[in-house]
Amino acid sequence: PVIFATDPHLWAILDPEIARENPVEDRHRRLVRSHRSSPYELRELKPNAKIRDELKEILNYASSQPLNSEEKDLIWKLRFYLARDKRRLTKFLKSVTWRDPSEVKQVLEE
């Protein structure tokens, strides 16, 4: 902001859509998290060694660190595996898209 005040050649332009969700990413998230697998398959899903290492790294993030969409999808996919340890609950809650009613319903029913 200080640079804009001192340089007459720079203009600040406000983008009203900057805070809006990307519709392509939103659609991708809904497809990834849809009920294509049976609930039994999801409950029995376990990570391989590589994914377990990725999960361990994600779970060691500071609670204030935001998760990217791939990390959120991984946590969502393995939510039943992660539910075995209640300390992982905060990361799971951060992975939920609370503005999506169908996803909130799945969280509350499972």
N, C-alpha and C. Protein backbone atom coordinates (compact mmCIF):
# COMPACT_ATOMS: atom_id res chain seq x y z
N PRO A 1 0.81 -1.21 0.00
CA PRO A 1 0.00 0.00 0.00
C PRO A 1 0.85 1.26 0.00
N VAL A 2 1.97 1.26 0.67
CA VAL A 2 2.84 2.43 0.71
C VAL A 2 3.40 2.71 -0.68
N ILE A 3 3.71 1.67 -1.43
CA ILE A 3 4.25 1.83 -2.78
C ILE A 3 3.24 2.54 -3.67
N PHE A 4 1.96 2.17 -3.55
CA PHE A 4 0.92 2.78 -4.37
C PHE A 4 0.81 4.29 -4.08
N ALA A 5 0.99 4.64 -2.84
CA ALA A 5 0.86 6.05 -2.45
C ALA A 5 2.02 6.89 -3.00
N THR A 6 3.17 6.28 -3.19
CA THR A 6 4.33 7.06 -3.62
C THR A 6 4.61 6.97 -5.11
N ASP A 7 4.08 5.97 -5.79
CA ASP A 7 4.35 5.81 -7.22
C ASP A 7 3.09 6.16 -8.02
N PRO A 8 3.11 7.27 -8.77
CA PRO A 8 1.91 7.69 -9.52
C PRO A 8 1.60 6.79 -10.73
N HIS A 9 2.51 5.89 -11.09
CA HIS A 9 2.29 5.02 -12.24
C HIS A 9 1.59 3.71 -11.87
N LEU A 10 1.45 3.46 -10.61
CA LEU A 10 0.78 2.23 -10.17
C LEU A 10 -0.62 2.55 -9.67
N TRP A 11 -1.56 1.71 -10.08
CA TRP A 11 -2.96 1.87 -9.67
C TRP A 11 -3.42 0.62 -8.96
N ALA A 12 -4.17 0.78 -7.95
CA ALA A 12 -4.78 -0.36 -7.25
C ALA A 12 -6.15 -0.62 -7.87
N ILE A 13 -6.35 -1.85 -8.31
CA ILE A 13 -7.64 -2.23 -8.90
C ILE A 13 -8.23 -3.33 -8.02
N LEU A 14 -9.42 -3.11 -7.55
CA LEU A 14 -10.09 -4.10 -6.71
C LEU A 14 -10.81 -5.11 -7.59
N ASP A 15 -10.59 -6.38 -7.31
CA ASP A 15 -11.25 -7.46 -8.04
C ASP A 15 -12.37 -8.01 -7.16
N PRO A 16 -13.63 -7.78 -7.51
CA PRO A 16 -14.73 -8.25 -6.66
C PRO A 16 -14.85 -9.77 -6.60
N GLU A 17 -14.23 -10.48 -7.53
CA GLU A 17 -14.34 -11.94 -7.55
C GLU A 17 -13.17 -12.63 -6.84
N ILE A 18 -12.26 -11.87 -6.26
CA ILE A 18 -11.07 -12.46 -5.65
C ILE A 18 -11.43 -13.40 -4.50
N ALA A 19 -12.48 -13.10 -3.77
CA ALA A 19 -12.86 -13.91 -2.62
C ALA A 19 -13.77 -15.08 -3.00
N ARG A 20 -14.22 -15.13 -4.22
CA ARG A 20 -15.13 -16.20 -4.65
C ARG A 20 -14.35 -17.48 -4.92
N GLU A 21 -15.05 -18.59 -4.74
CA GLU A 21 -14.45 -19.90 -5.02
C GLU A 21 -14.30 -20.09 -6.53
N ASN A 22 -13.28 -20.81 -6.92
CA ASN A 22 -13.08 -21.16 -8.31
C ASN A 22 -14.07 -22.28 -8.65
N PRO A 23 -14.96 -22.09 -9.62
CA PRO A 23 -15.96 -23.12 -9.92
C PRO A 23 -15.35 -24.45 -10.39
N VAL A 24 -14.22 -24.38 -11.06
CA VAL A 24 -13.56 -25.61 -11.53
C VAL A 24 -13.03 -26.40 -10.33
N GLU A 25 -12.38 -25.71 -9.39
CA GLU A 25 -11.87 -26.40 -8.20
C GLU A 25 -13.02 -26.92 -7.34
N ASP A 26 -14.11 -26.17 -7.28
CA ASP A 26 -15.27 -26.59 -6.50
C ASP A 26 -15.86 -27.88 -7.09
N ARG A 27 -15.99 -27.92 -8.39
CA ARG A 27 -16.52 -29.12 -9.07
C ARG A 27 -15.57 -30.31 -8.85
N HIS A 28 -14.29 -30.08 -8.97
CA HIS A 28 -13.30 -31.14 -8.75
C HIS A 28 -13.43 -31.71 -7.33
N ARG A 29 -13.55 -30.81 -6.35
CA ARG A 29 -13.68 -31.25 -4.96
C ARG A 29 -14.94 -32.10 -4.77
N ARG A 30 -16.05 -31.67 -5.37
CA ARG A 30 -17.28 -32.45 -5.22
C ARG A 30 -17.16 -33.83 -5.88
N LEU A 31 -16.47 -33.90 -7.02
CA LEU A 31 -16.28 -35.20 -7.67
C LEU A 31 -15.37 -36.11 -6.85
N VAL A 32 -14.30 -35.56 -6.32
CA VAL A 32 -13.36 -36.35 -5.52
C VAL A 32 -14.04 -36.89 -4.27
N ARG A 33 -14.90 -36.09 -3.68
CA ARG A 33 -15.51 -36.46 -2.41
C ARG A 33 -16.88 -37.10 -2.54
N SER A 34 -17.30 -37.41 -3.75
CA SER A 34 -18.63 -38.01 -3.95
C SER A 34 -18.65 -39.45 -3.45
N HIS A 35 -19.83 -39.99 -3.36
CA HIS A 35 -20.01 -41.36 -2.85
C HIS A 35 -19.84 -42.40 -3.96
N ARG A 36 -18.72 -42.40 -4.64
CA ARG A 36 -18.50 -43.41 -5.68
C ARG A 36 -18.08 -44.75 -5.09
N SER A 37 -17.50 -44.73 -3.94
CA SER A 37 -17.10 -45.96 -3.27
C SER A 37 -18.15 -46.30 -2.21
N SER A 38 -18.26 -47.56 -1.90
CA SER A 38 -19.20 -47.93 -0.85
C SER A 38 -18.66 -47.47 0.50
N PRO A 39 -19.56 -47.20 1.46
CA PRO A 39 -19.09 -46.77 2.78
C PRO A 39 -18.15 -47.79 3.44
N TYR A 40 -18.38 -49.08 3.18
CA TYR A 40 -17.50 -50.10 3.76
C TYR A 40 -16.09 -49.97 3.21
N GLU A 41 -15.98 -49.75 1.89
CA GLU A 41 -14.65 -49.60 1.28
C GLU A 41 -13.92 -48.40 1.87
N LEU A 42 -14.62 -47.30 2.05
CA LEU A 42 -14.00 -46.10 2.62
C LEU A 42 -13.56 -46.34 4.06
N ARG A 43 -14.37 -47.05 4.81
CA ARG A 43 -14.04 -47.30 6.22
C ARG A 43 -12.82 -48.20 6.36
N GLU A 44 -12.60 -49.05 5.39
CA GLU A 44 -11.48 -50.00 5.45
C GLU A 44 -10.23 -49.51 4.72
N LEU A 45 -10.31 -48.36 4.09
CA LEU A 45 -9.19 -47.82 3.33
C LEU A 45 -8.04 -47.44 4.26
N LYS A 46 -6.84 -47.91 3.92
CA LYS A 46 -5.64 -47.60 4.70
C LYS A 46 -4.57 -47.06 3.76
N PRO A 47 -3.77 -46.13 4.21
CA PRO A 47 -2.74 -45.55 3.34
C PRO A 47 -1.54 -46.48 3.19
N ASN A 48 -0.89 -46.38 2.03
CA ASN A 48 0.37 -47.09 1.85
C ASN A 48 1.48 -46.29 2.54
N ALA A 49 2.69 -46.76 2.49
CA ALA A 49 3.79 -46.11 3.22
C ALA A 49 4.03 -44.67 2.75
N LYS A 50 3.99 -44.45 1.44
CA LYS A 50 4.24 -43.10 0.90
C LYS A 50 3.16 -42.13 1.37
N ILE A 51 1.91 -42.54 1.27
CA ILE A 51 0.80 -41.68 1.68
C ILE A 51 0.80 -41.49 3.19
N ARG A 52 1.19 -42.51 3.92
CA ARG A 52 1.28 -42.39 5.38
C ARG A 52 2.32 -41.33 5.77
N ASP A 53 3.42 -41.28 5.02
CA ASP A 53 4.43 -40.25 5.27
C ASP A 53 3.89 -38.85 4.95
N GLU A 54 3.13 -38.74 3.85
CA GLU A 54 2.52 -37.46 3.50
C GLU A 54 1.54 -37.03 4.59
N LEU A 55 0.74 -37.98 5.06
CA LEU A 55 -0.22 -37.68 6.13
C LEU A 55 0.48 -37.22 7.40
N LYS A 56 1.55 -37.91 7.73
CA LYS A 56 2.29 -37.55 8.94
C LYS A 56 2.80 -36.11 8.84
N GLU A 57 3.28 -35.74 7.66
CA GLU A 57 3.77 -34.37 7.46
C GLU A 57 2.62 -33.37 7.59
N ILE A 58 1.49 -33.67 6.98
CA ILE A 58 0.33 -32.78 7.06
C ILE A 58 -0.16 -32.65 8.50
N LEU A 59 -0.20 -33.75 9.21
CA LEU A 59 -0.70 -33.74 10.59
C LEU A 59 0.24 -33.01 11.53
N ASN A 60 1.50 -32.85 11.13
CA ASN A 60 2.46 -32.13 11.96
C ASN A 60 2.47 -30.63 11.67
N TYR A 61 1.67 -30.19 10.71
CA TYR A 61 1.56 -28.75 10.45
C TYR A 61 1.05 -28.05 11.70
N ALA A 62 1.43 -26.80 11.84
CA ALA A 62 0.86 -25.98 12.92
C ALA A 62 -0.64 -25.84 12.67
N SER A 63 -1.39 -25.73 13.74
CA SER A 63 -2.85 -25.66 13.59
C SER A 63 -3.29 -24.41 12.82
N SER A 64 -2.45 -23.39 12.78
CA SER A 64 -2.78 -22.16 12.06
C SER A 64 -2.45 -22.24 10.57
N GLN A 65 -1.70 -23.27 10.16
CA GLN A 65 -1.30 -23.38 8.76
C GLN A 65 -2.47 -23.88 7.92
N PRO A 66 -2.83 -23.15 6.87
CA PRO A 66 -3.94 -23.61 6.01
C PRO A 66 -3.52 -24.82 5.19
N LEU A 67 -4.50 -25.65 4.85
CA LEU A 67 -4.27 -26.83 4.02
C LEU A 67 -4.64 -26.49 2.58
N ASN A 68 -3.86 -27.01 1.63
CA ASN A 68 -4.23 -26.81 0.24
C ASN A 68 -5.29 -27.85 -0.16
N SER A 69 -5.84 -27.73 -1.34
CA SER A 69 -6.95 -28.59 -1.75
C SER A 69 -6.54 -30.06 -1.82
N GLU A 70 -5.31 -30.36 -2.26
CA GLU A 70 -4.88 -31.76 -2.34
C GLU A 70 -4.76 -32.37 -0.94
N GLU A 71 -4.26 -31.59 0.00
CA GLU A 71 -4.14 -32.08 1.38
C GLU A 71 -5.51 -32.32 1.99
N LYS A 72 -6.43 -31.41 1.74
CA LYS A 72 -7.79 -31.57 2.24
C LYS A 72 -8.45 -32.82 1.66
N ASP A 73 -8.26 -33.04 0.35
CA ASP A 73 -8.84 -34.22 -0.30
C ASP A 73 -8.25 -35.51 0.27
N LEU A 74 -6.96 -35.52 0.53
CA LEU A 74 -6.32 -36.70 1.11
C LEU A 74 -6.88 -37.00 2.49
N ILE A 75 -7.02 -35.97 3.30
CA ILE A 75 -7.57 -36.16 4.64
C ILE A 75 -9.01 -36.63 4.56
N TRP A 76 -9.78 -36.06 3.64
CA TRP A 76 -11.18 -36.48 3.48
C TRP A 76 -11.26 -37.95 3.08
N LYS A 77 -10.43 -38.33 2.13
CA LYS A 77 -10.44 -39.71 1.63
C LYS A 77 -10.11 -40.71 2.73
N LEU A 78 -9.19 -40.34 3.62
CA LEU A 78 -8.75 -41.25 4.68
C LEU A 78 -9.34 -40.88 6.05
N ARG A 79 -10.48 -40.23 6.05
CA ARG A 79 -11.07 -39.74 7.30
C ARG A 79 -11.38 -40.85 8.29
N PHE A 80 -11.79 -42.01 7.81
CA PHE A 80 -12.11 -43.10 8.73
C PHE A 80 -10.85 -43.67 9.37
N TYR A 81 -9.78 -43.75 8.59
CA TYR A 81 -8.49 -44.18 9.12
C TYR A 81 -8.00 -43.18 10.17
N LEU A 82 -8.13 -41.90 9.87
CA LEU A 82 -7.67 -40.85 10.78
C LEU A 82 -8.53 -40.75 12.04
N ALA A 83 -9.77 -41.18 11.95
CA ALA A 83 -10.69 -41.07 13.09
C ALA A 83 -10.26 -41.95 14.26
N ARG A 84 -9.36 -42.85 14.05
CA ARG A 84 -8.90 -43.74 15.13
C ARG A 84 -8.10 -43.00 16.19
N ASP A 85 -7.58 -41.83 15.81
CA ASP A 85 -6.81 -41.01 16.75
C ASP A 85 -7.48 -39.65 16.85
N LYS A 86 -8.06 -39.36 17.99
CA LYS A 86 -8.83 -38.12 18.18
C LYS A 86 -7.97 -36.86 18.05
N ARG A 87 -6.66 -36.97 18.18
CA ARG A 87 -5.79 -35.80 18.01
C ARG A 87 -5.79 -35.30 16.58
N ARG A 88 -6.25 -36.12 15.66
CA ARG A 88 -6.27 -35.74 14.25
C ARG A 88 -7.56 -35.01 13.86
N LEU A 89 -8.46 -34.86 14.80
CA LEU A 89 -9.76 -34.27 14.53
C LEU A 89 -9.67 -32.85 13.96
N THR A 90 -8.77 -32.05 14.47
CA THR A 90 -8.69 -30.67 14.00
C THR A 90 -8.33 -30.59 12.52
N LYS A 91 -7.43 -31.44 12.07
CA LYS A 91 -7.07 -31.44 10.64
C LYS A 91 -8.26 -31.88 9.80
N PHE A 92 -9.00 -32.88 10.30
CA PHE A 92 -10.19 -33.33 9.57
C PHE A 92 -11.20 -32.19 9.47
N LEU A 93 -11.46 -31.50 10.56
CA LEU A 93 -12.42 -30.40 10.55
C LEU A 93 -11.99 -29.29 9.60
N LYS A 94 -10.68 -29.09 9.47
CA LYS A 94 -10.19 -28.08 8.53
C LYS A 94 -10.36 -28.54 7.08
N SER A 95 -10.47 -29.84 6.86
CA SER A 95 -10.61 -30.35 5.49
C SER A 95 -12.05 -30.32 5.00
N VAL A 96 -13.00 -30.12 5.89
CA VAL A 96 -14.42 -30.11 5.52
C VAL A 96 -14.76 -28.76 4.88
N THR A 97 -15.52 -28.83 3.80
CA THR A 97 -16.02 -27.62 3.17
C THR A 97 -17.39 -27.34 3.78
N TRP A 98 -17.43 -26.48 4.76
CA TRP A 98 -18.63 -26.25 5.56
C TRP A 98 -19.73 -25.53 4.80
N ARG A 99 -19.43 -24.93 3.67
CA ARG A 99 -20.48 -24.27 2.90
C ARG A 99 -21.20 -25.23 1.97
N ASP A 100 -20.75 -26.48 1.92
CA ASP A 100 -21.38 -27.50 1.07
C ASP A 100 -22.30 -28.36 1.93
N PRO A 101 -23.62 -28.22 1.79
CA PRO A 101 -24.57 -28.95 2.65
C PRO A 101 -24.43 -30.47 2.57
N SER A 102 -24.14 -31.01 1.39
CA SER A 102 -24.02 -32.47 1.27
C SER A 102 -22.79 -32.98 2.03
N GLU A 103 -21.72 -32.21 2.01
CA GLU A 103 -20.51 -32.62 2.73
C GLU A 103 -20.73 -32.52 4.23
N VAL A 104 -21.39 -31.48 4.68
CA VAL A 104 -21.70 -31.33 6.10
C VAL A 104 -22.58 -32.48 6.56
N LYS A 105 -23.54 -32.88 5.71
CA LYS A 105 -24.42 -34.00 6.04
C LYS A 105 -23.61 -35.29 6.21
N GLN A 106 -22.66 -35.52 5.32
CA GLN A 106 -21.82 -36.71 5.43
C GLN A 106 -21.03 -36.71 6.72
N VAL A 107 -20.51 -35.55 7.10
CA VAL A 107 -19.72 -35.44 8.34
C VAL A 107 -20.59 -35.77 9.53
N LEU A 108 -21.78 -35.22 9.55
CA LEU A 108 -22.65 -35.41 10.71
C LEU A 108 -23.23 -36.82 10.80
N GLU A 109 -23.42 -37.49 9.64
CA GLU A 109 -23.99 -38.84 9.65
C GLU A 109 -22.95 -39.92 9.88
N GLU A 110 -21.71 -39.66 9.53
CA GLU A 110 -20.69 -40.69 9.66
C GLU A 110 -20.04 -40.51 10.97
